Amino acid sequence: MRILLDECVPRPLKRELTDCNIQTVVEMGWSGKKNGELLQLMVQARFTVLLTTDRNLRYQQNLEKFGVAIVVLIAPSNRLADLLPLIPETRDRLRTISGGQVVEISRY
């Protein structure tokens, strides 16, 4: 499983998922790409999961056509301190998620 960390997610979050094959949008050179183009690039590069805080992505794109899974982290902000409590459930969900699924993870 290859995971792409979206631009809106703080890059240090990658350190919390060391057991995953994870790269950032910045590392891939895809900064500033719009969601549709980003999803196409993900498919071409064989990423299977996008980890994001963008709650609107599922309403802006036809995610089924791309076949990638989306994990949306929902917290008061996209600061690392607010996202860290979501990591245990994120790890659990990454073990069972499949292409085309959208999973929202929140403490609320």
Protein backbone atom coordinates (compact mmCIF):
# COMPACT_ATOMS: atom_id res chain seq x y z
CA MET A 1 0.00 0.00 0.00
CA ARG A 2 1.34 3.39 -1.02
CA ILE A 3 0.00 6.39 0.86
CA LEU A 4 0.15 10.00 -0.27
CA LEU A 5 0.05 12.71 2.39
CA ASP A 6 -1.91 15.66 1.01
CA GLU A 7 -0.49 19.18 1.00
CA CYS A 8 -2.99 20.32 3.65
CA VAL A 9 -1.64 17.78 6.17
CA PRO A 10 1.49 18.76 8.12
CA ARG A 11 4.49 16.83 6.79
CA PRO A 12 5.70 15.79 10.29
CA LEU A 13 2.62 13.55 10.50
CA LYS A 14 4.55 11.19 8.23
CA ARG A 15 6.80 10.33 11.18
CA GLU A 16 3.78 9.00 13.06
CA LEU A 17 3.10 6.42 10.34
CA THR A 18 6.57 4.91 9.99
CA ASP A 19 5.11 1.45 9.44
CA CYS A 20 3.52 2.69 6.18
CA ASN A 21 4.97 3.41 2.75
CA ILE A 22 4.10 7.10 2.77
CA GLN A 23 5.23 10.08 0.71
CA THR A 24 4.12 13.69 0.68
CA VAL A 25 2.74 15.75 -2.18
CA VAL A 26 5.79 18.00 -1.79
CA GLU A 27 8.23 15.07 -2.05
CA MET A 28 6.52 13.97 -5.26
CA GLY A 29 6.83 17.48 -6.74
CA TRP A 30 3.05 17.83 -6.97
CA SER A 31 2.61 20.97 -4.87
CA GLY A 32 -0.21 23.19 -6.04
CA LYS A 33 -1.96 20.51 -8.12
CA LYS A 34 -5.75 20.63 -8.14
CA ASN A 35 -7.58 17.61 -6.70
CA GLY A 36 -8.54 16.02 -10.02
CA GLU A 37 -5.01 16.25 -11.39
CA LEU A 38 -3.58 15.05 -8.08
CA LEU A 39 -5.81 11.97 -8.11
CA GLN A 40 -4.74 11.17 -11.68
CA LEU A 41 -1.08 11.49 -10.72
CA MET A 42 -1.70 9.21 -7.73
CA VAL A 43 -3.12 6.51 -9.97
CA GLN A 44 -0.22 6.80 -12.42
CA ALA A 45 2.30 6.54 -9.56
CA ARG A 46 0.38 3.59 -8.04
CA PHE A 47 -0.62 5.26 -4.79
CA THR A 48 -3.59 3.54 -3.17
CA VAL A 49 -4.54 5.94 -0.35
CA LEU A 50 -4.71 9.73 0.03
CA LEU A 51 -4.48 11.01 3.59
CA THR A 52 -6.05 14.48 3.76
CA THR A 53 -7.93 16.99 5.88
CA ASP A 54 -9.98 18.18 2.88
CA ARG A 55 -13.58 17.34 3.82
CA ASN A 56 -14.92 18.56 0.47
CA LEU A 57 -12.86 16.29 -1.77
CA ARG A 58 -15.51 13.58 -1.87
CA TYR A 59 -18.06 16.09 -3.16
CA GLN A 60 -15.77 17.70 -5.74
CA GLN A 61 -14.47 14.58 -7.48
CA ASN A 62 -15.86 11.28 -8.75
CA LEU A 63 -13.61 9.21 -6.49
CA GLU A 64 -14.89 5.86 -7.73
CA LYS A 65 -13.37 6.43 -11.18
CA PHE A 66 -9.92 6.83 -9.65
CA GLY A 67 -10.13 3.74 -7.44
CA VAL A 68 -8.01 5.19 -4.66
CA ALA A 69 -9.05 5.23 -1.03
CA ILE A 70 -9.36 8.52 0.83
CA VAL A 71 -8.80 8.95 4.57
CA VAL A 72 -10.09 12.30 5.82
CA LEU A 73 -8.77 13.44 9.19
CA ILE A 74 -11.30 15.68 10.93
CA ALA A 75 -9.94 17.85 13.74
CA PRO A 76 -10.36 21.43 15.00
CA SER A 77 -7.46 22.43 12.72
CA ASN A 78 -4.85 20.81 10.51
CA ARG A 79 -2.12 21.47 13.08
CA LEU A 80 -0.06 18.44 14.05
CA ALA A 81 -1.16 18.63 17.71
CA ASP A 82 -4.82 18.39 16.66
CA LEU A 83 -4.22 15.50 14.25
CA LEU A 84 -2.02 13.30 16.46
CA PRO A 85 -4.94 11.91 18.52
CA LEU A 86 -6.40 10.53 15.27
CA ILE A 87 -3.33 8.43 14.41
CA PRO A 88 -4.26 5.20 16.28
CA GLU A 89 -7.59 4.93 14.48
CA THR A 90 -5.93 5.95 11.21
CA ARG A 91 -3.51 3.02 11.52
CA ASP A 92 -6.42 0.65 12.17
CA ARG A 93 -8.40 1.93 9.20
CA LEU A 94 -5.42 1.73 6.86
CA ARG A 95 -5.26 -2.02 7.51
CA THR A 96 -8.77 -2.58 6.15
CA ILE A 97 -9.45 0.22 3.65
CA SER A 98 -9.94 -0.63 0.00
CA GLY A 99 -9.92 1.32 -3.25
CA GLY A 100 -12.79 3.73 -3.78
CA GLN A 101 -13.63 4.01 -0.09
CA VAL A 102 -13.76 7.31 1.78
CA VAL A 103 -13.21 7.07 5.52
CA GLU A 104 -13.56 10.01 7.88
CA ILE A 105 -11.69 9.83 11.19
CA SER A 106 -12.69 12.16 13.98
CA ARG A 107 -12.74 12.26 17.76
CA TYR A 108 -16.23 13.76 17.75
